[in-house]
Amino acid sequence: MKMFYVQRGADGKVIGVSVSPQGGDEPPLPGGHPEVVDFLLRAGGDAAAVEALAATDVDLVRVVEDLIGLLAENGVIMFTDLPEGAQRKLLLRERLRARLGDINPMVDDDNAIL
């Protein structure tokens, strides 16, 4: 996910966003962070809205994967009821996340690199 460095005003509100550090001590925020999205929508119009929406896609994909897993685990749906293409994509992502976890111990429970 794209990360952004924010600049804050005296009131703590985000007044600037950049893809590189601008001298502040604050760690970068993910593109889907509410403060980043709010700033991009206020400052950038439609193009920023598109970018802000895209920044949330990775997080939403993980939510959908987890939801499908939970529904299958609880017997609400059968994994094999999903279209073959969806099954292949989900299995591939599961294997990739498992491999990333095996080679990178800095992966947390949500499989995000710390």
N, C-alpha and C. Protein backbone atom coordinates (compact mmCIF):
# COMPACT_ATOMS: atom_id res chain seq x y z
N MET A 1 0.84 -1.17 0.00
CA MET A 1 0.00 0.00 0.00
C MET A 1 0.89 1.23 0.00
N LYS A 2 0.46 2.22 -0.73
CA LYS A 2 1.19 3.48 -0.80
C LYS A 2 1.16 4.18 0.55
N MET A 3 2.32 4.69 0.96
CA MET A 3 2.41 5.39 2.24
C MET A 3 2.63 6.87 1.98
N PHE A 4 2.09 7.69 2.88
CA PHE A 4 2.20 9.14 2.74
C PHE A 4 2.73 9.76 4.03
N TYR A 5 3.55 10.77 3.85
CA TYR A 5 4.04 11.57 4.97
C TYR A 5 3.14 12.80 5.05
N VAL A 6 2.68 13.10 6.25
CA VAL A 6 1.76 14.21 6.41
C VAL A 6 2.42 15.37 7.16
N GLN A 7 1.97 16.55 6.83
CA GLN A 7 2.35 17.75 7.56
C GLN A 7 1.08 18.23 8.26
N ARG A 8 1.25 18.61 9.51
CA ARG A 8 0.09 19.04 10.31
C ARG A 8 0.19 20.52 10.66
N GLY A 9 -0.96 21.14 10.77
CA GLY A 9 -1.04 22.52 11.21
C GLY A 9 -1.01 22.57 12.73
N ALA A 10 -1.05 23.77 13.27
CA ALA A 10 -1.00 23.96 14.72
C ALA A 10 -2.15 23.25 15.43
N ASP A 11 -3.27 23.08 14.72
CA ASP A 11 -4.43 22.41 15.32
C ASP A 11 -4.36 20.89 15.19
N GLY A 12 -3.29 20.38 14.57
CA GLY A 12 -3.11 18.94 14.41
C GLY A 12 -3.76 18.39 13.15
N LYS A 13 -4.44 19.23 12.41
CA LYS A 13 -5.11 18.80 11.19
C LYS A 13 -4.10 18.70 10.04
N VAL A 14 -4.27 17.70 9.18
CA VAL A 14 -3.36 17.50 8.06
C VAL A 14 -3.51 18.67 7.08
N ILE A 15 -2.36 19.31 6.78
CA ILE A 15 -2.36 20.43 5.85
C ILE A 15 -1.53 20.14 4.61
N GLY A 16 -0.85 19.00 4.60
CA GLY A 16 -0.06 18.61 3.45
C GLY A 16 0.25 17.13 3.47
N VAL A 17 0.41 16.56 2.28
CA VAL A 17 0.70 15.14 2.14
C VAL A 17 1.75 14.99 1.05
N SER A 18 2.74 14.12 1.30
CA SER A 18 3.74 13.86 0.27
C SER A 18 4.17 12.39 0.33
N VAL A 19 4.82 11.94 -0.74
CA VAL A 19 5.28 10.56 -0.78
C VAL A 19 6.69 10.41 -0.21
N SER A 20 7.32 11.53 0.10
CA SER A 20 8.66 11.48 0.71
C SER A 20 8.67 12.32 1.98
N PRO A 21 9.57 11.99 2.91
CA PRO A 21 9.63 12.74 4.17
C PRO A 21 9.90 14.23 3.93
N GLN A 22 9.27 15.08 4.70
CA GLN A 22 9.44 16.52 4.56
C GLN A 22 10.03 17.15 5.82
N GLY A 23 10.76 16.35 6.58
CA GLY A 23 11.44 16.88 7.74
C GLY A 23 10.75 16.68 9.06
N GLY A 24 9.54 16.13 9.05
CA GLY A 24 8.84 15.90 10.31
C GLY A 24 9.25 14.57 10.93
N ASP A 25 8.84 14.37 12.16
CA ASP A 25 9.16 13.13 12.88
C ASP A 25 8.06 12.09 12.77
N GLU A 26 6.92 12.47 12.25
CA GLU A 26 5.77 11.57 12.22
C GLU A 26 5.99 10.44 11.20
N PRO A 27 5.67 9.22 11.58
CA PRO A 27 5.81 8.11 10.63
C PRO A 27 4.79 8.24 9.50
N PRO A 28 5.06 7.60 8.36
CA PRO A 28 4.11 7.70 7.25
C PRO A 28 2.80 6.98 7.58
N LEU A 29 1.75 7.42 6.91
CA LEU A 29 0.42 6.81 7.08
C LEU A 29 0.04 6.11 5.78
N PRO A 30 -0.71 5.01 5.88
CA PRO A 30 -1.15 4.33 4.66
C PRO A 30 -2.14 5.20 3.90
N GLY A 31 -2.19 5.00 2.59
CA GLY A 31 -3.07 5.80 1.74
C GLY A 31 -4.53 5.72 2.12
N GLY A 32 -4.94 4.64 2.77
CA GLY A 32 -6.33 4.51 3.17
C GLY A 32 -6.65 5.10 4.52
N HIS A 33 -5.65 5.67 5.20
CA HIS A 33 -5.88 6.26 6.52
C HIS A 33 -6.89 7.39 6.38
N PRO A 34 -7.86 7.47 7.30
CA PRO A 34 -8.92 8.50 7.18
C PRO A 34 -8.39 9.92 7.05
N GLU A 35 -7.31 10.26 7.74
CA GLU A 35 -6.78 11.62 7.64
C GLU A 35 -6.19 11.89 6.27
N VAL A 36 -5.53 10.89 5.70
CA VAL A 36 -4.95 11.05 4.35
C VAL A 36 -6.07 11.18 3.33
N VAL A 37 -7.06 10.30 3.43
CA VAL A 37 -8.18 10.33 2.49
C VAL A 37 -8.91 11.67 2.58
N ASP A 38 -9.17 12.13 3.80
CA ASP A 38 -9.85 13.41 3.99
C ASP A 38 -9.07 14.54 3.33
N PHE A 39 -7.77 14.58 3.55
CA PHE A 39 -6.97 15.65 2.96
C PHE A 39 -7.00 15.57 1.43
N LEU A 40 -6.80 14.37 0.89
CA LEU A 40 -6.78 14.22 -0.57
C LEU A 40 -8.11 14.65 -1.19
N LEU A 41 -9.20 14.33 -0.52
CA LEU A 41 -10.51 14.72 -1.04
C LEU A 41 -10.71 16.23 -0.96
N ARG A 42 -10.23 16.84 0.13
CA ARG A 42 -10.38 18.30 0.27
C ARG A 42 -9.49 19.05 -0.71
N ALA A 43 -8.28 18.55 -0.91
CA ALA A 43 -7.29 19.31 -1.67
C ALA A 43 -7.20 18.92 -3.14
N GLY A 44 -7.57 17.71 -3.48
CA GLY A 44 -7.26 17.26 -4.83
C GLY A 44 -8.39 17.01 -5.78
N GLY A 45 -9.62 17.13 -5.36
CA GLY A 45 -10.74 16.92 -6.27
C GLY A 45 -10.89 15.48 -6.70
N ASP A 46 -11.41 15.30 -7.92
CA ASP A 46 -11.75 13.96 -8.41
C ASP A 46 -10.54 13.05 -8.57
N ALA A 47 -9.42 13.57 -9.06
CA ALA A 47 -8.23 12.73 -9.23
C ALA A 47 -7.76 12.19 -7.88
N ALA A 48 -7.81 13.01 -6.86
CA ALA A 48 -7.41 12.57 -5.52
C ALA A 48 -8.42 11.57 -4.97
N ALA A 49 -9.68 11.74 -5.30
CA ALA A 49 -10.69 10.79 -4.84
C ALA A 49 -10.44 9.42 -5.44
N VAL A 50 -10.06 9.38 -6.70
CA VAL A 50 -9.74 8.11 -7.36
C VAL A 50 -8.54 7.47 -6.68
N GLU A 51 -7.51 8.26 -6.39
CA GLU A 51 -6.31 7.73 -5.73
C GLU A 51 -6.63 7.25 -4.32
N ALA A 52 -7.45 7.99 -3.61
CA ALA A 52 -7.83 7.59 -2.25
C ALA A 52 -8.62 6.28 -2.28
N LEU A 53 -9.50 6.14 -3.25
CA LEU A 53 -10.26 4.90 -3.37
C LEU A 53 -9.34 3.73 -3.68
N ALA A 54 -8.40 3.93 -4.58
CA ALA A 54 -7.45 2.86 -4.93
C ALA A 54 -6.60 2.48 -3.73
N ALA A 55 -6.29 3.43 -2.89
CA ALA A 55 -5.44 3.15 -1.72
C ALA A 55 -6.13 2.22 -0.73
N THR A 56 -7.45 2.16 -0.76
CA THR A 56 -8.17 1.27 0.15
C THR A 56 -8.39 -0.12 -0.44
N ASP A 57 -8.08 -0.31 -1.72
CA ASP A 57 -8.34 -1.59 -2.38
C ASP A 57 -7.62 -2.76 -1.74
N VAL A 58 -6.36 -2.60 -1.40
CA VAL A 58 -5.59 -3.71 -0.82
C VAL A 58 -6.20 -4.15 0.50
N ASP A 59 -6.56 -3.20 1.33
CA ASP A 59 -7.18 -3.53 2.62
C ASP A 59 -8.51 -4.24 2.42
N LEU A 60 -9.29 -3.76 1.46
CA LEU A 60 -10.60 -4.36 1.22
C LEU A 60 -10.47 -5.78 0.67
N VAL A 61 -9.47 -6.02 -0.16
CA VAL A 61 -9.23 -7.38 -0.67
C VAL A 61 -9.01 -8.33 0.49
N ARG A 62 -8.22 -7.91 1.46
CA ARG A 62 -7.95 -8.77 2.61
C ARG A 62 -9.22 -9.01 3.43
N VAL A 63 -10.07 -8.02 3.55
CA VAL A 63 -11.34 -8.18 4.26
C VAL A 63 -12.20 -9.22 3.54
N VAL A 64 -12.27 -9.13 2.22
CA VAL A 64 -13.07 -10.08 1.44
C VAL A 64 -12.50 -11.49 1.59
N GLU A 65 -11.18 -11.63 1.52
CA GLU A 65 -10.55 -12.95 1.70
C GLU A 65 -10.90 -13.53 3.07
N ASP A 66 -10.77 -12.71 4.10
CA ASP A 66 -11.07 -13.17 5.45
C ASP A 66 -12.56 -13.54 5.59
N LEU A 67 -13.43 -12.75 4.97
CA LEU A 67 -14.86 -13.02 5.03
C LEU A 67 -15.19 -14.35 4.35
N ILE A 68 -14.62 -14.59 3.18
CA ILE A 68 -14.85 -15.86 2.49
C ILE A 68 -14.34 -17.02 3.33
N GLY A 69 -13.17 -16.87 3.92
CA GLY A 69 -12.62 -17.92 4.79
C GLY A 69 -13.52 -18.20 5.98
N LEU A 70 -14.03 -17.15 6.60
CA LEU A 70 -14.91 -17.30 7.76
C LEU A 70 -16.23 -17.98 7.37
N LEU A 71 -16.81 -17.56 6.27
CA LEU A 71 -18.06 -18.17 5.81
C LEU A 71 -17.87 -19.65 5.48
N ALA A 72 -16.75 -19.98 4.85
CA ALA A 72 -16.47 -21.38 4.53
C ALA A 72 -16.20 -22.18 5.81
N GLU A 73 -15.45 -21.62 6.71
CA GLU A 73 -15.11 -22.29 7.97
C GLU A 73 -16.37 -22.60 8.79
N ASN A 74 -17.35 -21.71 8.74
CA ASN A 74 -18.59 -21.89 9.50
C ASN A 74 -19.67 -22.64 8.71
N GLY A 75 -19.33 -23.12 7.53
CA GLY A 75 -20.26 -23.92 6.75
C GLY A 75 -21.37 -23.14 6.07
N VAL A 76 -21.24 -21.82 6.02
CA VAL A 76 -22.25 -21.00 5.36
C VAL A 76 -22.15 -21.16 3.85
N ILE A 77 -20.92 -21.25 3.35
CA ILE A 77 -20.67 -21.52 1.93
C ILE A 77 -19.63 -22.63 1.84
N MET A 78 -19.59 -23.24 0.70
CA MET A 78 -18.54 -24.23 0.42
C MET A 78 -17.53 -23.56 -0.50
N PHE A 79 -16.26 -23.71 -0.17
CA PHE A 79 -15.21 -23.11 -1.01
C PHE A 79 -15.38 -23.56 -2.45
N THR A 80 -15.75 -24.81 -2.65
CA THR A 80 -15.90 -25.36 -4.00
C THR A 80 -17.11 -24.78 -4.73
N ASP A 81 -17.99 -24.08 -4.03
CA ASP A 81 -19.12 -23.40 -4.69
C ASP A 81 -18.67 -22.14 -5.42
N LEU A 82 -17.51 -21.63 -5.05
CA LEU A 82 -16.99 -20.43 -5.71
C LEU A 82 -16.57 -20.79 -7.13
N PRO A 83 -16.63 -19.84 -8.05
CA PRO A 83 -16.14 -20.11 -9.41
C PRO A 83 -14.67 -20.54 -9.38
N GLU A 84 -14.28 -21.38 -10.33
CA GLU A 84 -12.90 -21.90 -10.36
C GLU A 84 -11.87 -20.79 -10.34
N GLY A 85 -12.12 -19.72 -11.10
CA GLY A 85 -11.17 -18.61 -11.13
C GLY A 85 -10.98 -17.98 -9.76
N ALA A 86 -12.07 -17.82 -9.05
CA ALA A 86 -12.00 -17.24 -7.70
C ALA A 86 -11.25 -18.18 -6.76
N GLN A 87 -11.51 -19.48 -6.88
CA GLN A 87 -10.80 -20.46 -6.05
C GLN A 87 -9.29 -20.37 -6.29
N ARG A 88 -8.91 -20.33 -7.56
CA ARG A 88 -7.47 -20.27 -7.90
C ARG A 88 -6.82 -19.02 -7.33
N LYS A 89 -7.49 -17.89 -7.48
CA LYS A 89 -6.93 -16.62 -6.99
C LYS A 89 -6.79 -16.62 -5.47
N LEU A 90 -7.82 -17.12 -4.79
CA LEU A 90 -7.76 -17.16 -3.33
C LEU A 90 -6.67 -18.11 -2.84
N LEU A 91 -6.56 -19.27 -3.47
CA LEU A 91 -5.51 -20.23 -3.08
C LEU A 91 -4.12 -19.68 -3.35
N LEU A 92 -3.95 -19.00 -4.48
CA LEU A 92 -2.65 -18.40 -4.80
C LEU A 92 -2.29 -17.35 -3.75
N ARG A 93 -3.21 -16.47 -3.40
CA ARG A 93 -2.93 -15.45 -2.40
C ARG A 93 -2.62 -16.06 -1.05
N GLU A 94 -3.34 -17.14 -0.70
CA GLU A 94 -3.09 -17.83 0.57
C GLU A 94 -1.67 -18.41 0.59
N ARG A 95 -1.27 -19.03 -0.51
CA ARG A 95 0.09 -19.59 -0.59
C ARG A 95 1.15 -18.49 -0.54
N LEU A 96 0.91 -17.40 -1.24
CA LEU A 96 1.87 -16.29 -1.23
C LEU A 96 2.01 -15.69 0.16
N ARG A 97 0.88 -15.49 0.87
CA ARG A 97 0.95 -14.96 2.24
C ARG A 97 1.68 -15.93 3.16
N ALA A 98 1.42 -17.23 3.00
CA ALA A 98 2.11 -18.23 3.83
C ALA A 98 3.61 -18.19 3.56
N ARG A 99 3.97 -18.09 2.30
CA ARG A 99 5.40 -18.05 1.96
C ARG A 99 6.04 -16.78 2.51
N LEU A 100 5.37 -15.67 2.38
CA LEU A 100 5.89 -14.41 2.91
C LEU A 100 6.10 -14.52 4.41
N GLY A 101 5.15 -15.15 5.10
CA GLY A 101 5.28 -15.35 6.54
C GLY A 101 6.44 -16.25 6.89
N ASP A 102 6.71 -17.26 6.04
CA ASP A 102 7.82 -18.18 6.28
C ASP A 102 9.18 -17.50 6.10
N ILE A 103 9.28 -16.60 5.12
CA ILE A 103 10.58 -15.99 4.85
C ILE A 103 10.76 -14.65 5.53
N ASN A 104 9.67 -14.07 6.05
CA ASN A 104 9.77 -12.76 6.68
C ASN A 104 9.05 -12.80 8.03
N PRO A 105 9.79 -12.97 9.11
CA PRO A 105 9.15 -13.02 10.42
C PRO A 105 8.56 -11.69 10.84
N MET A 106 8.73 -10.65 10.06
CA MET A 106 8.18 -9.34 10.38
C MET A 106 6.78 -9.17 9.83
N VAL A 107 6.06 -10.27 9.61
CA VAL A 107 4.69 -10.21 9.13
C VAL A 107 3.79 -10.44 10.32
N ASP A 108 2.82 -9.54 10.52
CA ASP A 108 1.93 -9.68 11.68
C ASP A 108 0.75 -10.59 11.35
N ASP A 109 -0.21 -10.68 12.26
CA ASP A 109 -1.35 -11.57 12.08
C ASP A 109 -2.19 -11.22 10.87
N ASP A 110 -2.17 -9.98 10.45
CA ASP A 110 -2.92 -9.57 9.25
C ASP A 110 -2.07 -9.70 8.00
N ASN A 111 -0.88 -10.28 8.15
CA ASN A 111 0.06 -10.47 7.06
C ASN A 111 0.54 -9.15 6.46
N ALA A 112 0.53 -8.11 7.24
CA ALA A 112 1.08 -6.84 6.82
C ALA A 112 2.52 -6.77 7.30
N ILE A 113 3.41 -6.30 6.46
CA ILE A 113 4.81 -6.18 6.86
C ILE A 113 4.93 -5.04 7.85
N LEU A 114 5.53 -5.33 8.98
CA LEU A 114 5.69 -4.32 10.03
C LEU A 114 6.81 -3.36 9.71
